[in-house]
Amino acid sequence: MYLSKLAMGIKLSVCMATCNGSRFIRGQLESILSQLGPDDELIVSDDASSDDTLDIVRGYDDPRIRVLSGNVFQSPLRNFEHALRHARGRILVLSDQDDLWLPGRLELVHERLDKAIDRVALIMMDGEIVDATGNCLEESIFRANRAAAGILKNVYDNTYSGCCLAFTRPLLEIALPFPPRVPMHDMWLGILAEIFGRVEFVPVTTIRYRRHAANTSFRRASLAKQIMRRIFLVSSLLRRWIEVVCRRRKNAELH
């Protein structure tokens, strides 16, 4: 009940959250649009940009781009949630505003997820970490973050990176709405996928993840805040598990 009605023919939705991203967004848009099919869409949800981010996006005049403007979230998590609520595809792919997708990324997504669109499935693809000028800092996100599946592992020290994720619509139907105090959308989606379906870590470099002073992915909270965030995460996971199990039982009884 949290999702917009699916549009006929939309196969894949790329969901991008933007906020003052004019410095790098043009390259990212071009790397995405070159891989989108005619029946795909790019959702751009903007969080009160004060630069010319939206002018750049609208300047492409591509019917596959849907812009969601006028939002004031002050939160990447809520901005991504807003984009996902409006997505109509059977496969969802997350995108930051300042990375670069490498050729073949969406081809890999389809290869791994096309046959799983009726069940909960998520993949995390590897990438390299670069600085603001494109110089390589780390050859593998997986290796840098010691990325691997495991519910307890990722509750303790999350290794799911939103920019590396793609997943099927059944996971979205479980994941929305995001709980009020969940730390970040990537760990929420990844752990729910482990609980209810299948997760695959694909060791193929498909992205150049840009780490620079303006992004927030590597900012660390205090120890006390980290502990409280994980308590909220575990309690939210438990509540969502109960909700989903009860819903499934009710549906089974009705049928």
C-alpha atoms as a PDB file:
ATOM      1  CA  MET A   1       0.000   0.000   0.000  1.00  0.00           C
ATOM      2  CA  TYR A   2       3.061   2.237   0.135  1.00  0.00           C
ATOM      3  CA  LEU A   3       3.903   2.011  -3.556  1.00  0.00           C
ATOM      4  CA  SER A   4       2.695   3.905  -6.565  1.00  0.00           C
ATOM      5  CA  LYS A   5       0.857   1.885  -9.176  1.00  0.00           C
ATOM      6  CA  LEU A   6       3.179   0.145 -11.638  1.00  0.00           C
ATOM      7  CA  ALA A   7       3.219   1.590 -15.112  1.00  0.00           C
ATOM      8  CA  MET A   8       2.849  -0.902 -17.916  1.00  0.00           C
ATOM      9  CA  GLY A   9       6.128  -1.720 -19.570  1.00  0.00           C
ATOM     10  CA  ILE A  10       8.555  -0.154 -17.067  1.00  0.00           C
ATOM     11  CA  LYS A  11      11.233  -2.794 -16.630  1.00  0.00           C
ATOM     12  CA  LEU A  12      13.896  -1.072 -14.560  1.00  0.00           C
ATOM     13  CA  SER A  13      14.041   2.046 -12.404  1.00  0.00           C
ATOM     14  CA  VAL A  14      17.257   3.807 -11.501  1.00  0.00           C
ATOM     15  CA  CYS A  15      16.691   5.871  -8.349  1.00  0.00           C
ATOM     16  CA  MET A  16      19.054   8.802  -7.829  1.00  0.00           C
ATOM     17  CA  ALA A  17      19.062  11.119  -4.815  1.00  0.00           C
ATOM     18  CA  THR A  18      20.492  14.578  -5.496  1.00  0.00           C
ATOM     19  CA  CYS A  19      21.470  17.580  -3.401  1.00  0.00           C
ATOM     20  CA  ASN A  20      23.790  20.254  -4.776  1.00  0.00           C
ATOM     21  CA  GLY A  21      25.420  17.777  -7.102  1.00  0.00           C
ATOM     22  CA  SER A  22      26.167  19.988 -10.093  1.00  0.00           C
ATOM     23  CA  ARG A  23      29.924  19.382  -9.933  1.00  0.00           C
ATOM     24  CA  PHE A  24      29.749  15.729 -10.955  1.00  0.00           C
ATOM     25  CA  ILE A  25      26.187  14.908 -11.954  1.00  0.00           C
ATOM     26  CA  ARG A  26      26.553  15.397 -15.690  1.00  0.00           C
ATOM     27  CA  GLY A  27      29.050  12.558 -16.042  1.00  0.00           C
ATOM     28  CA  GLN A  28      26.916  10.268 -13.899  1.00  0.00           C
ATOM     29  CA  LEU A  29      23.761  10.998 -15.880  1.00  0.00           C
ATOM     30  CA  GLU A  30      25.503  10.226 -19.145  1.00  0.00           C
ATOM     31  CA  SER A  31      26.953   6.975 -17.799  1.00  0.00           C
ATOM     32  CA  ILE A  32      23.443   5.889 -16.744  1.00  0.00           C
ATOM     33  CA  LEU A  33      21.409   7.070 -19.724  1.00  0.00           C
ATOM     34  CA  SER A  34      23.745   5.315 -22.158  1.00  0.00           C
ATOM     35  CA  GLN A  35      22.764   1.996 -20.524  1.00  0.00           C
ATOM     36  CA  LEU A  36      19.023   2.535 -20.024  1.00  0.00           C
ATOM     37  CA  GLY A  37      16.606   0.820 -22.358  1.00  0.00           C
ATOM     38  CA  PRO A  38      13.559   2.546 -23.878  1.00  0.00           C
ATOM     39  CA  ASP A  39      11.312   0.898 -21.278  1.00  0.00           C
ATOM     40  CA  ASP A  40      13.422   1.960 -18.290  1.00  0.00           C
ATOM     41  CA  GLU A  41      13.293   5.126 -16.185  1.00  0.00           C
ATOM     42  CA  LEU A  42      15.612   7.332 -14.146  1.00  0.00           C
ATOM     43  CA  ILE A  43      14.000   8.837 -11.064  1.00  0.00           C
ATOM     44  CA  VAL A  44      15.830  11.920  -9.776  1.00  0.00           C
ATOM     45  CA  SER A  45      14.664  13.014  -6.326  1.00  0.00           C
ATOM     46  CA  ASP A  46      16.177  16.350  -5.352  1.00  0.00           C
ATOM     47  CA  ASP A  47      16.619  17.508  -1.763  1.00  0.00           C
ATOM     48  CA  ALA A  48      16.448  21.315  -1.952  1.00  0.00           C
ATOM     49  CA  SER A  49      19.462  21.881  -4.203  1.00  0.00           C
ATOM     50  CA  SER A  50      20.558  25.520  -4.263  1.00  0.00           C
ATOM     51  CA  ASP A  51      22.945  25.113  -7.197  1.00  0.00           C
ATOM     52  CA  ASP A  52      22.097  24.280 -10.824  1.00  0.00           C
ATOM     53  CA  THR A  53      21.689  20.513 -10.294  1.00  0.00           C
ATOM     54  CA  LEU A  54      18.071  20.524 -11.489  1.00  0.00           C
ATOM     55  CA  ASP A  55      18.858  22.711 -14.485  1.00  0.00           C
ATOM     56  CA  ILE A  56      21.480  20.190 -15.585  1.00  0.00           C
ATOM     57  CA  VAL A  57      19.111  17.244 -15.151  1.00  0.00           C
ATOM     58  CA  ARG A  58      16.228  18.940 -16.987  1.00  0.00           C
ATOM     59  CA  GLY A  59      18.586  20.033 -19.732  1.00  0.00           C
ATOM     60  CA  TYR A  60      18.780  16.451 -21.003  1.00  0.00           C
ATOM     61  CA  ASP A  61      15.098  16.550 -22.036  1.00  0.00           C
ATOM     62  CA  ASP A  62      14.975  12.744 -21.969  1.00  0.00           C
ATOM     63  CA  PRO A  63      11.505  11.191 -21.507  1.00  0.00           C
ATOM     64  CA  ARG A  64      13.038   8.434 -19.413  1.00  0.00           C
ATOM     65  CA  ILE A  65      14.000  10.976 -16.706  1.00  0.00           C
ATOM     66  CA  ARG A  66      11.422  11.799 -14.021  1.00  0.00           C
ATOM     67  CA  VAL A  67      12.344  14.686 -11.719  1.00  0.00           C
ATOM     68  CA  LEU A  68      10.914  14.951  -8.199  1.00  0.00           C
ATOM     69  CA  SER A  69      11.659  18.486  -6.998  1.00  0.00           C
ATOM     70  CA  GLY A  70      10.472  20.786  -4.237  1.00  0.00           C
ATOM     71  CA  ASN A  71      11.532  18.413  -1.465  1.00  0.00           C
ATOM     72  CA  VAL A  72      13.167  19.413   1.813  1.00  0.00           C
ATOM     73  CA  PHE A  73      14.314  16.235   3.528  1.00  0.00           C
ATOM     74  CA  GLN A  74      17.854  17.139   4.663  1.00  0.00           C
ATOM     75  CA  SER A  75      18.409  13.387   4.650  1.00  0.00           C
ATOM     76  CA  PRO A  76      19.863  11.062   1.989  1.00  0.00           C
ATOM     77  CA  LEU A  77      17.822   8.208   3.462  1.00  0.00           C
ATOM     78  CA  ARG A  78      14.502  10.065   3.110  1.00  0.00           C
ATOM     79  CA  ASN A  79      15.482  11.325  -0.321  1.00  0.00           C
ATOM     80  CA  PHE A  80      16.161   7.783  -1.547  1.00  0.00           C
ATOM     81  CA  GLU A  81      12.921   6.601   0.057  1.00  0.00           C
ATOM     82  CA  HIS A  82      11.034   9.294  -1.868  1.00  0.00           C
ATOM     83  CA  ALA A  83      12.616   8.196  -5.141  1.00  0.00           C
ATOM     84  CA  LEU A  84      11.799   4.544  -4.456  1.00  0.00           C
ATOM     85  CA  ARG A  85       8.175   5.350  -3.624  1.00  0.00           C
ATOM     86  CA  HIS A  86       7.769   6.803  -7.123  1.00  0.00           C
ATOM     87  CA  ALA A  87       9.677   4.085  -8.976  1.00  0.00           C
ATOM     88  CA  ARG A  88       7.596   1.885 -11.269  1.00  0.00           C
ATOM     89  CA  GLY A  89      10.097  -0.729 -12.407  1.00  0.00           C
ATOM     90  CA  ARG A  90      10.258  -4.405 -11.589  1.00  0.00           C
ATOM     91  CA  ILE A  91      13.968  -4.010 -10.873  1.00  0.00           C
ATOM     92  CA  LEU A  92      15.343  -1.126  -8.807  1.00  0.00           C
ATOM     93  CA  VAL A  93      18.911   0.209  -8.987  1.00  0.00           C
ATOM     94  CA  LEU A  94      20.267   2.865  -6.637  1.00  0.00           C
ATOM     95  CA  SER A  95      22.531   5.675  -7.810  1.00  0.00           C
ATOM     96  CA  ASP A  96      24.529   8.425  -6.156  1.00  0.00           C
ATOM     97  CA  GLN A  97      24.851  11.756  -7.948  1.00  0.00           C
ATOM     98  CA  ASP A  98      28.629  11.866  -8.196  1.00  0.00           C
ATOM     99  CA  ASP A  99      29.809   8.412  -9.279  1.00  0.00           C
ATOM    100  CA  LEU A 100      30.372   6.949 -12.731  1.00  0.00           C
ATOM    101  CA  TRP A 101      28.799   3.732 -13.962  1.00  0.00           C
ATOM    102  CA  LEU A 102      31.010   1.531 -16.078  1.00  0.00           C
ATOM    103  CA  PRO A 103      29.756  -0.051 -19.320  1.00  0.00           C
ATOM    104  CA  GLY A 104      27.877  -3.305 -18.792  1.00  0.00           C
ATOM    105  CA  ARG A 105      26.567  -2.493 -15.311  1.00  0.00           C
ATOM    106  CA  LEU A 106      22.871  -2.777 -16.178  1.00  0.00           C
ATOM    107  CA  GLU A 107      23.556  -5.764 -18.397  1.00  0.00           C
ATOM    108  CA  LEU A 108      24.910  -7.503 -15.293  1.00  0.00           C
ATOM    109  CA  VAL A 109      21.870  -6.410 -13.270  1.00  0.00           C
ATOM    110  CA  HIS A 110      19.522  -7.977 -15.813  1.00  0.00           C
ATOM    111  CA  GLU A 111      21.627 -11.124 -15.987  1.00  0.00           C
ATOM    112  CA  ARG A 112      21.363 -11.629 -12.218  1.00  0.00           C
ATOM    113  CA  LEU A 113      17.813 -10.407 -11.527  1.00  0.00           C
ATOM    114  CA  ASP A 114      15.580 -10.879 -14.577  1.00  0.00           C
ATOM    115  CA  LYS A 115      14.710 -14.429 -13.542  1.00  0.00           C
ATOM    116  CA  ALA A 116      14.085 -13.421  -9.928  1.00  0.00           C
ATOM    117  CA  ILE A 117      11.631 -10.550 -10.336  1.00  0.00           C
ATOM    118  CA  ASP A 118       8.818 -12.439  -8.567  1.00  0.00           C
ATOM    119  CA  ARG A 119      10.791 -13.003  -5.366  1.00  0.00           C
ATOM    120  CA  VAL A 120      13.010 -11.083  -2.965  1.00  0.00           C
ATOM    121  CA  ALA A 121      16.493 -10.823  -4.449  1.00  0.00           C
ATOM    122  CA  LEU A 122      19.318  -8.311  -4.105  1.00  0.00           C
ATOM    123  CA  ILE A 123      22.765  -8.037  -5.590  1.00  0.00           C
ATOM    124  CA  MET A 124      25.705  -5.924  -4.527  1.00  0.00           C
ATOM    125  CA  MET A 125      28.239  -5.196  -7.243  1.00  0.00           C
ATOM    126  CA  ASP A 126      31.869  -4.266  -6.673  1.00  0.00           C
ATOM    127  CA  GLY A 127      33.523  -1.050  -7.786  1.00  0.00           C
ATOM    128  CA  GLU A 128      36.629   1.026  -7.382  1.00  0.00           C
ATOM    129  CA  ILE A 129      36.950   4.036  -5.091  1.00  0.00           C
ATOM    130  CA  VAL A 130      38.291   7.222  -6.664  1.00  0.00           C
ATOM    131  CA  ASP A 131      38.956  10.746  -5.435  1.00  0.00           C
ATOM    132  CA  ALA A 132      37.393  13.968  -6.679  1.00  0.00           C
ATOM    133  CA  THR A 133      39.677  14.078  -9.712  1.00  0.00           C
ATOM    134  CA  GLY A 134      39.181  10.410 -10.618  1.00  0.00           C
ATOM    135  CA  ASN A 135      42.413   8.995  -9.217  1.00  0.00           C
ATOM    136  CA  CYS A 136      42.024   5.469  -7.867  1.00  0.00           C
ATOM    137  CA  LEU A 137      42.161   5.198  -4.066  1.00  0.00           C
ATOM    138  CA  GLU A 138      41.032   1.579  -3.717  1.00  0.00           C
ATOM    139  CA  GLU A 139      40.638  -1.006  -6.468  1.00  0.00           C
ATOM    140  CA  SER A 140      37.784  -2.811  -4.725  1.00  0.00           C
ATOM    141  CA  ILE A 141      34.939  -1.570  -2.521  1.00  0.00           C
ATOM    142  CA  PHE A 142      34.473  -5.159  -1.386  1.00  0.00           C
ATOM    143  CA  ARG A 143      38.048  -5.425  -0.209  1.00  0.00           C
ATOM    144  CA  ALA A 144      38.159  -1.952   1.338  1.00  0.00           C
ATOM    145  CA  ASN A 145      34.986  -2.562   3.369  1.00  0.00           C
ATOM    146  CA  ARG A 146      35.442  -6.317   3.887  1.00  0.00           C
ATOM    147  CA  ALA A 147      32.031  -6.661   2.290  1.00  0.00           C
ATOM    148  CA  ALA A 148      30.141  -9.909   2.764  1.00  0.00           C
ATOM    149  CA  ALA A 149      26.690 -11.195   3.613  1.00  0.00           C
ATOM    150  CA  GLY A 150      25.661 -11.995   7.173  1.00  0.00           C
ATOM    151  CA  ILE A 151      22.869 -10.486   9.234  1.00  0.00           C
ATOM    152  CA  LEU A 152      24.835 -10.115  12.481  1.00  0.00           C
ATOM    153  CA  LYS A 153      27.927  -8.962  10.613  1.00  0.00           C
ATOM    154  CA  ASN A 154      26.065  -6.154   8.863  1.00  0.00           C
ATOM    155  CA  VAL A 155      24.111  -5.107  11.932  1.00  0.00           C
ATOM    156  CA  TYR A 156      27.434  -4.725  13.764  1.00  0.00           C
ATOM    157  CA  ASP A 157      29.394  -3.178  10.884  1.00  0.00           C
ATOM    158  CA  ASN A 158      27.397  -2.542   7.726  1.00  0.00           C
ATOM    159  CA  THR A 159      29.114  -3.428   4.446  1.00  0.00           C
ATOM    160  CA  TYR A 160      26.162  -2.803   2.128  1.00  0.00           C
ATOM    161  CA  SER A 161      26.810   0.274  -0.029  1.00  0.00           C
ATOM    162  CA  GLY A 162      23.753   1.869  -1.597  1.00  0.00           C
ATOM    163  CA  CYS A 163      25.539   2.841  -4.801  1.00  0.00           C
ATOM    164  CA  CYS A 164      26.328  -0.858  -5.392  1.00  0.00           C
ATOM    165  CA  LEU A 165      22.800  -2.233  -4.897  1.00  0.00           C
ATOM    166  CA  ALA A 166      20.137  -3.529  -7.266  1.00  0.00           C
ATOM    167  CA  PHE A 167      17.084  -5.510  -6.204  1.00  0.00           C
ATOM    168  CA  THR A 168      13.651  -6.772  -7.166  1.00  0.00           C
ATOM    169  CA  ARG A 169      10.304  -5.141  -6.464  1.00  0.00           C
ATOM    170  CA  PRO A 170       9.180  -7.722  -3.857  1.00  0.00           C
ATOM    171  CA  LEU A 171      11.983  -6.460  -1.596  1.00  0.00           C
ATOM    172  CA  LEU A 172      10.764  -2.886  -2.023  1.00  0.00           C
ATOM    173  CA  GLU A 173       7.264  -3.932  -0.993  1.00  0.00           C
ATOM    174  CA  ILE A 174       8.726  -5.279   2.258  1.00  0.00           C
ATOM    175  CA  ALA A 175      11.190  -2.434   2.868  1.00  0.00           C
ATOM    176  CA  LEU A 176       8.809   0.543   2.554  1.00  0.00           C
ATOM    177  CA  PRO A 177       8.222   2.607   4.528  1.00  0.00           C
ATOM    178  CA  PHE A 178      11.702   3.054   5.972  1.00  0.00           C
ATOM    179  CA  PRO A 179      11.500   3.139   9.796  1.00  0.00           C
ATOM    180  CA  PRO A 180      11.941   6.550  11.467  1.00  0.00           C
ATOM    181  CA  ARG A 181      15.340   5.835  13.028  1.00  0.00           C
ATOM    182  CA  VAL A 182      16.920   3.257  10.746  1.00  0.00           C
ATOM    183  CA  PRO A 183      20.599   4.314  10.266  1.00  0.00           C
ATOM    184  CA  MET A 184      20.736   4.148   6.459  1.00  0.00           C
ATOM    185  CA  HIS A 185      18.756   2.735   3.567  1.00  0.00           C
ATOM    186  CA  ASP A 186      21.516   0.432   2.309  1.00  0.00           C
ATOM    187  CA  MET A 187      21.838  -1.668   5.469  1.00  0.00           C
ATOM    188  CA  TRP A 188      18.033  -1.783   5.828  1.00  0.00           C
ATOM    189  CA  LEU A 189      17.583  -3.127   2.298  1.00  0.00           C
ATOM    190  CA  GLY A 190      20.509  -5.530   2.468  1.00  0.00           C
ATOM    191  CA  ILE A 191      19.587  -7.126   5.775  1.00  0.00           C
ATOM    192  CA  LEU A 192      15.893  -7.424   4.850  1.00  0.00           C
ATOM    193  CA  ALA A 193      16.935  -9.172   1.637  1.00  0.00           C
ATOM    194  CA  GLU A 194      18.962 -11.648   3.687  1.00  0.00           C
ATOM    195  CA  ILE A 195      16.017 -12.317   5.999  1.00  0.00           C
ATOM    196  CA  PHE A 196      13.355 -12.740   3.325  1.00  0.00           C
ATOM    197  CA  GLY A 197      15.177 -13.778   0.183  1.00  0.00           C
ATOM    198  CA  ARG A 198      18.486 -14.109  -1.616  1.00  0.00           C
ATOM    199  CA  VAL A 199      21.571 -11.873  -1.588  1.00  0.00           C
ATOM    200  CA  GLU A 200      24.519 -12.142  -3.960  1.00  0.00           C
ATOM    201  CA  PHE A 201      27.818 -10.266  -3.790  1.00  0.00           C
ATOM    202  CA  VAL A 202      29.022  -9.999  -7.379  1.00  0.00           C
ATOM    203  CA  PRO A 203      32.816  -9.437  -7.573  1.00  0.00           C
ATOM    204  CA  VAL A 204      32.660  -7.439 -10.807  1.00  0.00           C
ATOM    205  CA  THR A 205      33.768  -3.798 -10.976  1.00  0.00           C
ATOM    206  CA  THR A 206      30.772  -1.867 -12.338  1.00  0.00           C
ATOM    207  CA  ILE A 207      31.178   1.585 -10.808  1.00  0.00           C
ATOM    208  CA  ARG A 208      33.691   4.258  -9.958  1.00  0.00           C
ATOM    209  CA  TYR A 209      32.621   5.407  -6.499  1.00  0.00           C
ATOM    210  CA  ARG A 210      33.765   8.955  -5.885  1.00  0.00           C
ATOM    211  CA  ARG A 211      34.898   9.759  -2.348  1.00  0.00           C
ATOM    212  CA  HIS A 212      35.324  13.493  -1.691  1.00  0.00           C
ATOM    213  CA  ALA A 213      34.872  16.112   1.014  1.00  0.00           C
ATOM    214  CA  ALA A 214      31.230  16.851   0.152  1.00  0.00           C
ATOM    215  CA  ASN A 215      29.795  13.346   0.369  1.00  0.00           C
ATOM    216  CA  THR A 216      28.675  11.748   3.608  1.00  0.00           C
ATOM    217  CA  SER A 217      29.196   8.019   3.171  1.00  0.00           C
ATOM    218  CA  PHE A 218      32.350   7.822   5.259  1.00  0.00           C
ATOM    219  CA  ARG A 219      31.429  10.171   8.086  1.00  0.00           C
ATOM    220  CA  ARG A 220      31.485   8.389  11.438  1.00  0.00           C
ATOM    221  CA  ALA A 221      29.067   8.974  14.303  1.00  0.00           C
ATOM    222  CA  SER A 222      30.044   8.807  17.960  1.00  0.00           C
ATOM    223  CA  LEU A 223      30.197   5.396  19.610  1.00  0.00           C
ATOM    224  CA  ALA A 224      27.085   6.094  21.690  1.00  0.00           C
ATOM    225  CA  LYS A 225      25.123   7.131  18.607  1.00  0.00           C
ATOM    226  CA  GLN A 226      26.300   4.065  16.698  1.00  0.00           C
ATOM    227  CA  ILE A 227      25.103   1.793  19.514  1.00  0.00           C
ATOM    228  CA  MET A 228      21.693   3.484  19.649  1.00  0.00           C
ATOM    229  CA  ARG A 229      21.351   3.274  15.860  1.00  0.00           C
ATOM    230  CA  ARG A 230      21.946  -0.466  15.943  1.00  0.00           C
ATOM    231  CA  ILE A 231      19.422  -0.935  18.727  1.00  0.00           C
ATOM    232  CA  PHE A 232      16.845   0.910  16.624  1.00  0.00           C
ATOM    233  CA  LEU A 233      17.851  -1.146  13.580  1.00  0.00           C
ATOM    234  CA  VAL A 234      17.395  -4.500  15.311  1.00  0.00           C
ATOM    235  CA  SER A 235      14.049  -3.486  16.815  1.00  0.00           C
ATOM    236  CA  SER A 236      12.869  -2.191  13.427  1.00  0.00           C
ATOM    237  CA  LEU A 237      13.912  -5.425  11.716  1.00  0.00           C
ATOM    238  CA  LEU A 238      12.002  -7.457  14.289  1.00  0.00           C
ATOM    239  CA  ARG A 239       8.868  -5.346  13.899  1.00  0.00           C
ATOM    240  CA  ARG A 240       9.030  -5.540  10.107  1.00  0.00           C
ATOM    241  CA  TRP A 241       9.550  -9.331  10.248  1.00  0.00           C
ATOM    242  CA  ILE A 242       6.427  -9.686  12.404  1.00  0.00           C
ATOM    243  CA  GLU A 243       4.428  -7.428  10.060  1.00  0.00           C
ATOM    244  CA  VAL A 244       5.458  -9.372   6.955  1.00  0.00           C
ATOM    245  CA  VAL A 245       4.856 -12.798   8.504  1.00  0.00           C
ATOM    246  CA  CYS A 246       1.395 -11.750   9.737  1.00  0.00           C
ATOM    247  CA  ARG A 247       0.542 -10.275   6.339  1.00  0.00           C
ATOM    248  CA  ARG A 248       1.600 -13.434   4.535  1.00  0.00           C
ATOM    249  CA  ARG A 249      -0.397 -15.637   6.886  1.00  0.00           C
ATOM    250  CA  LYS A 250      -3.476 -13.480   6.394  1.00  0.00           C
ATOM    251  CA  ASN A 251      -3.104 -13.629   2.616  1.00  0.00           C
ATOM    252  CA  ALA A 252      -2.677 -17.407   2.764  1.00  0.00           C
ATOM    253  CA  GLU A 253      -5.875 -17.762   4.803  1.00  0.00           C
ATOM    254  CA  LEU A 254      -7.806 -15.622   2.331  1.00  0.00           C
ATOM    255  CA  HIS A 255      -6.700 -17.844  -0.529  1.00  0.00           C
END
